[in-house]
Amino acid sequence: MPRFAALLRGIAPSGRNMTNDKLRAVFEGLGLEDVGSVLASGNIVFRSDVADAPVLEKRIEDALARDLGISSPTLVRTYSELRALVDSDPFPGVTHSSNTYLTATFIKDLRGVPDVLPGQLHPGGTEIVRYDAGARAVLAITDNSEPNSAGGFMVWLERSYGKGITTRSWLTVQRIARKLED
């Protein structure tokens, strides 16, 4: 049975309906198997005999709205998509730290995707590394030496791709891939 990760946008650990146990319960209520969570920021892993990611996304979004009142885009990726992304080593020689923040922004709807140019700089010192077509993700490095340096880049991402995006630190992406291996 295929393994998946659901990346939920806008999940905050402080939201009373956004706790991992409540999120997992919604997924289990859909009949998904081996449901687990990674951190407290809307990363749910599971197995499903349904292999169509858009179908899974719609079912999950509907269930989250119905059961928890959460209206949030859900982006589903397969284990193989995330594993290939991690194995591609998109940040060779760069370490994620408080000053060098490595991110992957996952995109739901690819219609009208603007050109993503490696080396392109954005407000606040964020550099695009590349677009990964397999994982449908923009990979970037933000120089966090200035307060709120990622803000301009996040605004650009949402303006370019709409609200159907969600960003994860590279460390979180690696954790999700490891959790899917269990």
C-alpha atoms as a PDB file:
ATOM      1  CA  MET A   1       0.000   0.000   0.000  1.00  0.00           C
ATOM      2  CA  PRO A   2       1.528   3.360  -1.029  1.00  0.00           C
ATOM      3  CA  ARG A   3       2.834   5.786   1.602  1.00  0.00           C
ATOM      4  CA  PHE A   4       1.966   9.489   1.550  1.00  0.00           C
ATOM      5  CA  ALA A   5       2.582  12.703   3.426  1.00  0.00           C
ATOM      6  CA  ALA A   6      -0.135  15.323   3.764  1.00  0.00           C
ATOM      7  CA  LEU A   7       1.290  18.802   4.205  1.00  0.00           C
ATOM      8  CA  LEU A   8      -1.385  21.025   5.718  1.00  0.00           C
ATOM      9  CA  ARG A   9      -1.163  24.780   5.342  1.00  0.00           C
ATOM     10  CA  GLY A  10      -1.722  27.095   8.285  1.00  0.00           C
ATOM     11  CA  ILE A  11      -1.655  24.548  11.092  1.00  0.00           C
ATOM     12  CA  ALA A  12      -0.541  26.118  14.371  1.00  0.00           C
ATOM     13  CA  PRO A  13       0.170  24.016  17.461  1.00  0.00           C
ATOM     14  CA  SER A  14      -1.738  26.576  19.525  1.00  0.00           C
ATOM     15  CA  GLY A  15      -5.013  26.013  17.625  1.00  0.00           C
ATOM     16  CA  ARG A  16      -7.298  23.841  19.745  1.00  0.00           C
ATOM     17  CA  ASN A  17      -8.593  21.939  16.697  1.00  0.00           C
ATOM     18  CA  MET A  18      -5.130  21.641  15.190  1.00  0.00           C
ATOM     19  CA  THR A  19      -3.511  19.236  17.633  1.00  0.00           C
ATOM     20  CA  ASN A  20      -1.809  16.156  16.231  1.00  0.00           C
ATOM     21  CA  ASP A  21      -4.248  13.774  17.928  1.00  0.00           C
ATOM     22  CA  LYS A  22      -7.260  15.541  16.358  1.00  0.00           C
ATOM     23  CA  LEU A  23      -5.593  15.724  12.952  1.00  0.00           C
ATOM     24  CA  ARG A  24      -4.672  12.030  13.069  1.00  0.00           C
ATOM     25  CA  ALA A  25      -8.241  11.146  14.075  1.00  0.00           C
ATOM     26  CA  VAL A  26      -9.589  12.852  10.936  1.00  0.00           C
ATOM     27  CA  PHE A  27      -7.224  10.815   8.753  1.00  0.00           C
ATOM     28  CA  GLU A  28      -8.085   7.592  10.570  1.00  0.00           C
ATOM     29  CA  GLY A  29     -11.789   8.422  10.140  1.00  0.00           C
ATOM     30  CA  LEU A  30     -11.190   8.452   6.384  1.00  0.00           C
ATOM     31  CA  GLY A  31      -9.955   4.851   6.604  1.00  0.00           C
ATOM     32  CA  LEU A  32      -6.318   5.766   5.992  1.00  0.00           C
ATOM     33  CA  GLU A  33      -3.803   3.432   7.596  1.00  0.00           C
ATOM     34  CA  ASP A  34      -0.600   3.760   9.626  1.00  0.00           C
ATOM     35  CA  VAL A  35      -1.422   7.406  10.348  1.00  0.00           C
ATOM     36  CA  GLY A  36       1.318   9.336  12.128  1.00  0.00           C
ATOM     37  CA  SER A  37       2.383  12.923  12.645  1.00  0.00           C
ATOM     38  CA  VAL A  38       5.695  14.703  12.261  1.00  0.00           C
ATOM     39  CA  LEU A  39       6.203  17.679  14.561  1.00  0.00           C
ATOM     40  CA  ALA A  40       3.211  19.852  15.446  1.00  0.00           C
ATOM     41  CA  SER A  41       2.865  21.819  12.243  1.00  0.00           C
ATOM     42  CA  GLY A  42       0.472  19.875  10.029  1.00  0.00           C
ATOM     43  CA  ASN A  43       2.561  17.028   8.670  1.00  0.00           C
ATOM     44  CA  ILE A  44       0.619  13.755   8.604  1.00  0.00           C
ATOM     45  CA  VAL A  45       1.946  10.521   7.112  1.00  0.00           C
ATOM     46  CA  PHE A  46      -0.296   7.620   6.124  1.00  0.00           C
ATOM     47  CA  ARG A  47      -0.900   4.693   3.814  1.00  0.00           C
ATOM     48  CA  SER A  48      -3.761   4.486   1.359  1.00  0.00           C
ATOM     49  CA  ASP A  49      -4.932   2.178  -1.380  1.00  0.00           C
ATOM     50  CA  VAL A  50      -6.105   5.314  -3.228  1.00  0.00           C
ATOM     51  CA  ALA A  51      -3.110   6.442  -5.273  1.00  0.00           C
ATOM     52  CA  ASP A  52      -4.584   9.628  -6.781  1.00  0.00           C
ATOM     53  CA  ALA A  53      -3.116  12.584  -4.812  1.00  0.00           C
ATOM     54  CA  PRO A  54      -5.768  15.149  -5.896  1.00  0.00           C
ATOM     55  CA  VAL A  55      -8.533  12.764  -4.767  1.00  0.00           C
ATOM     56  CA  LEU A  56      -6.803  12.310  -1.406  1.00  0.00           C
ATOM     57  CA  GLU A  57      -6.288  16.070  -1.060  1.00  0.00           C
ATOM     58  CA  LYS A  58      -9.992  16.759  -1.649  1.00  0.00           C
ATOM     59  CA  ARG A  59     -11.135  14.047   0.788  1.00  0.00           C
ATOM     60  CA  ILE A  60      -8.773  15.311   3.484  1.00  0.00           C
ATOM     61  CA  GLU A  61      -9.721  18.970   2.970  1.00  0.00           C
ATOM     62  CA  ASP A  62     -13.438  18.108   3.149  1.00  0.00           C
ATOM     63  CA  ALA A  63     -12.952  16.009   6.311  1.00  0.00           C
ATOM     64  CA  LEU A  64     -10.854  18.686   8.042  1.00  0.00           C
ATOM     65  CA  ALA A  65     -13.522  21.306   7.313  1.00  0.00           C
ATOM     66  CA  ARG A  66     -16.377  19.035   8.409  1.00  0.00           C
ATOM     67  CA  ASP A  67     -14.776  17.505  11.510  1.00  0.00           C
ATOM     68  CA  LEU A  68     -12.545  20.301  12.820  1.00  0.00           C
ATOM     69  CA  GLY A  69     -13.687  23.471  11.081  1.00  0.00           C
ATOM     70  CA  ILE A  70     -10.284  23.826   9.424  1.00  0.00           C
ATOM     71  CA  SER A  71     -10.362  25.331   5.959  1.00  0.00           C
ATOM     72  CA  SER A  72      -6.832  24.757   4.804  1.00  0.00           C
ATOM     73  CA  PRO A  73      -5.200  23.588   1.587  1.00  0.00           C
ATOM     74  CA  THR A  74      -3.774  20.086   1.789  1.00  0.00           C
ATOM     75  CA  LEU A  75      -0.858  19.057  -0.391  1.00  0.00           C
ATOM     76  CA  VAL A  76      -0.209  15.327  -0.705  1.00  0.00           C
ATOM     77  CA  ARG A  77       3.131  13.905  -1.781  1.00  0.00           C
ATOM     78  CA  THR A  78       4.169  10.284  -2.163  1.00  0.00           C
ATOM     79  CA  TYR A  79       7.051   8.771  -0.275  1.00  0.00           C
ATOM     80  CA  SER A  80       8.930   8.296  -3.554  1.00  0.00           C
ATOM     81  CA  GLU A  81       8.511  11.995  -4.470  1.00  0.00           C
ATOM     82  CA  LEU A  82       9.859  13.129  -1.100  1.00  0.00           C
ATOM     83  CA  ARG A  83      12.618  10.509  -1.036  1.00  0.00           C
ATOM     84  CA  ALA A  84      13.813  11.582  -4.503  1.00  0.00           C
ATOM     85  CA  LEU A  85      13.777  15.224  -3.385  1.00  0.00           C
ATOM     86  CA  VAL A  86      15.860  14.485  -0.287  1.00  0.00           C
ATOM     87  CA  ASP A  87      18.232  12.216  -2.230  1.00  0.00           C
ATOM     88  CA  SER A  88      18.796  14.958  -4.819  1.00  0.00           C
ATOM     89  CA  ASP A  89      20.745  16.922  -2.185  1.00  0.00           C
ATOM     90  CA  PRO A  90      19.536  20.345  -3.370  1.00  0.00           C
ATOM     91  CA  PHE A  91      21.637  22.256  -0.828  1.00  0.00           C
ATOM     92  CA  PRO A  92      25.120  20.718  -1.198  1.00  0.00           C
ATOM     93  CA  GLY A  93      27.602  22.150   1.260  1.00  0.00           C
ATOM     94  CA  VAL A  94      25.007  24.422   2.921  1.00  0.00           C
ATOM     95  CA  THR A  95      23.858  23.751   6.471  1.00  0.00           C
ATOM     96  CA  HIS A  96      20.462  24.748   7.813  1.00  0.00           C
ATOM     97  CA  SER A  97      21.037  27.126  10.717  1.00  0.00           C
ATOM     98  CA  SER A  98      19.552  30.161  12.415  1.00  0.00           C
ATOM     99  CA  ASN A  99      21.254  32.387   9.806  1.00  0.00           C
ATOM    100  CA  THR A 100      20.900  30.132   6.767  1.00  0.00           C
ATOM    101  CA  TYR A 101      17.355  28.849   6.499  1.00  0.00           C
ATOM    102  CA  LEU A 102      16.780  26.113   3.893  1.00  0.00           C
ATOM    103  CA  THR A 103      13.194  25.686   2.700  1.00  0.00           C
ATOM    104  CA  ALA A 104      10.964  23.745   0.342  1.00  0.00           C
ATOM    105  CA  THR A 105       7.704  25.390  -0.705  1.00  0.00           C
ATOM    106  CA  PHE A 106       5.284  22.801  -2.043  1.00  0.00           C
ATOM    107  CA  ILE A 107       2.847  23.930  -4.749  1.00  0.00           C
ATOM    108  CA  LYS A 108      -0.634  22.503  -5.225  1.00  0.00           C
ATOM    109  CA  ASP A 109      -1.741  24.009  -8.531  1.00  0.00           C
ATOM    110  CA  LEU A 110       0.876  24.274 -11.245  1.00  0.00           C
ATOM    111  CA  ARG A 111      -1.257  26.227 -13.708  1.00  0.00           C
ATOM    112  CA  GLY A 112       0.357  29.549 -14.484  1.00  0.00           C
ATOM    113  CA  VAL A 113       3.561  28.771 -12.612  1.00  0.00           C
ATOM    114  CA  PRO A 114       6.025  31.617 -13.179  1.00  0.00           C
ATOM    115  CA  ASP A 115       9.585  30.955 -14.165  1.00  0.00           C
ATOM    116  CA  VAL A 116      11.714  29.965 -11.202  1.00  0.00           C
ATOM    117  CA  LEU A 117      15.286  30.847 -11.950  1.00  0.00           C
ATOM    118  CA  PRO A 118      18.123  29.371  -9.924  1.00  0.00           C
ATOM    119  CA  GLY A 119      20.090  32.144  -8.269  1.00  0.00           C
ATOM    120  CA  GLN A 120      17.131  34.531  -8.426  1.00  0.00           C
ATOM    121  CA  LEU A 121      17.229  36.824  -5.381  1.00  0.00           C
ATOM    122  CA  HIS A 122      14.121  38.072  -3.609  1.00  0.00           C
ATOM    123  CA  PRO A 123      13.496  40.746  -0.989  1.00  0.00           C
ATOM    124  CA  GLY A 124      15.088  39.884   2.303  1.00  0.00           C
ATOM    125  CA  GLY A 125      17.971  37.944   0.822  1.00  0.00           C
ATOM    126  CA  THR A 126      16.232  34.735  -0.274  1.00  0.00           C
ATOM    127  CA  GLU A 127      17.866  32.906  -3.163  1.00  0.00           C
ATOM    128  CA  ILE A 128      16.019  30.317  -5.210  1.00  0.00           C
ATOM    129  CA  VAL A 129      18.101  27.173  -5.582  1.00  0.00           C
ATOM    130  CA  ARG A 130      15.809  25.411  -8.055  1.00  0.00           C
ATOM    131  CA  TYR A 131      12.349  24.090  -8.780  1.00  0.00           C
ATOM    132  CA  ASP A 132      11.947  20.351  -8.222  1.00  0.00           C
ATOM    133  CA  ALA A 133       9.351  19.095 -10.713  1.00  0.00           C
ATOM    134  CA  GLY A 134       8.961  15.670  -9.075  1.00  0.00           C
ATOM    135  CA  ALA A 135       8.025  17.057  -5.672  1.00  0.00           C
ATOM    136  CA  ARG A 136       6.512  20.235  -7.147  1.00  0.00           C
ATOM    137  CA  ALA A 137       8.550  22.382  -4.784  1.00  0.00           C
ATOM    138  CA  VAL A 138      10.560  25.596  -4.896  1.00  0.00           C
ATOM    139  CA  LEU A 139      13.817  25.176  -2.974  1.00  0.00           C
ATOM    140  CA  ALA A 140      15.364  28.269  -1.461  1.00  0.00           C
ATOM    141  CA  ILE A 141      17.967  29.577   0.968  1.00  0.00           C
ATOM    142  CA  THR A 142      17.121  32.566   3.145  1.00  0.00           C
ATOM    143  CA  ASP A 143      19.766  34.681   4.829  1.00  0.00           C
ATOM    144  CA  ASN A 144      18.148  35.063   8.252  1.00  0.00           C
ATOM    145  CA  SER A 145      20.718  37.506   9.585  1.00  0.00           C
ATOM    146  CA  GLU A 146      18.099  40.279   9.241  1.00  0.00           C
ATOM    147  CA  PRO A 147      14.789  40.136  11.165  1.00  0.00           C
ATOM    148  CA  ASN A 148      11.808  38.928   9.078  1.00  0.00           C
ATOM    149  CA  SER A 149      14.065  38.376   6.079  1.00  0.00           C
ATOM    150  CA  ALA A 150      11.823  35.643   4.652  1.00  0.00           C
ATOM    151  CA  GLY A 151       8.720  37.860   4.623  1.00  0.00           C
ATOM    152  CA  GLY A 152       9.199  39.332   1.162  1.00  0.00           C
ATOM    153  CA  PHE A 153       9.875  35.931  -0.345  1.00  0.00           C
ATOM    154  CA  MET A 154       6.760  34.425   1.250  1.00  0.00           C
ATOM    155  CA  VAL A 155       4.666  37.290  -0.149  1.00  0.00           C
ATOM    156  CA  TRP A 156       6.176  36.663  -3.617  1.00  0.00           C
ATOM    157  CA  LEU A 157       5.436  32.931  -3.368  1.00  0.00           C
ATOM    158  CA  GLU A 158       1.792  33.495  -2.472  1.00  0.00           C
ATOM    159  CA  ARG A 159       1.367  36.161  -5.158  1.00  0.00           C
ATOM    160  CA  SER A 160       2.945  33.838  -7.726  1.00  0.00           C
ATOM    161  CA  TYR A 161       1.305  30.536  -6.764  1.00  0.00           C
ATOM    162  CA  GLY A 162      -1.771  31.486  -4.735  1.00  0.00           C
ATOM    163  CA  LYS A 163      -2.746  30.131  -1.343  1.00  0.00           C
ATOM    164  CA  GLY A 164      -2.286  26.520  -2.442  1.00  0.00           C
ATOM    165  CA  ILE A 165       1.273  26.418  -1.147  1.00  0.00           C
ATOM    166  CA  THR A 166       2.944  25.434   2.073  1.00  0.00           C
ATOM    167  CA  THR A 167       6.552  25.853   3.154  1.00  0.00           C
ATOM    168  CA  ARG A 168       8.624  23.482   5.260  1.00  0.00           C
ATOM    169  CA  SER A 169      12.154  23.780   6.531  1.00  0.00           C
ATOM    170  CA  TRP A 170      14.570  21.363   4.904  1.00  0.00           C
ATOM    171  CA  LEU A 171      15.030  19.653   8.275  1.00  0.00           C
ATOM    172  CA  THR A 172      11.270  19.016   8.439  1.00  0.00           C
ATOM    173  CA  VAL A 173      11.215  17.620   4.886  1.00  0.00           C
ATOM    174  CA  GLN A 174      14.002  15.210   5.873  1.00  0.00           C
ATOM    175  CA  ARG A 175      12.087  14.169   9.023  1.00  0.00           C
ATOM    176  CA  ILE A 176       8.931  13.519   7.025  1.00  0.00           C
ATOM    177  CA  ALA A 177      10.831  11.327   4.548  1.00  0.00           C
ATOM    178  CA  ARG A 178      12.396   9.362   7.428  1.00  0.00           C
ATOM    179  CA  LYS A 179       9.000   8.891   9.102  1.00  0.00           C
ATOM    180  CA  LEU A 180       7.605   7.498   5.848  1.00  0.00           C
ATOM    181  CA  GLU A 181      10.362   4.845   5.889  1.00  0.00           C
ATOM    182  CA  ASP A 182       9.086   3.364   9.179  1.00  0.00           C
END
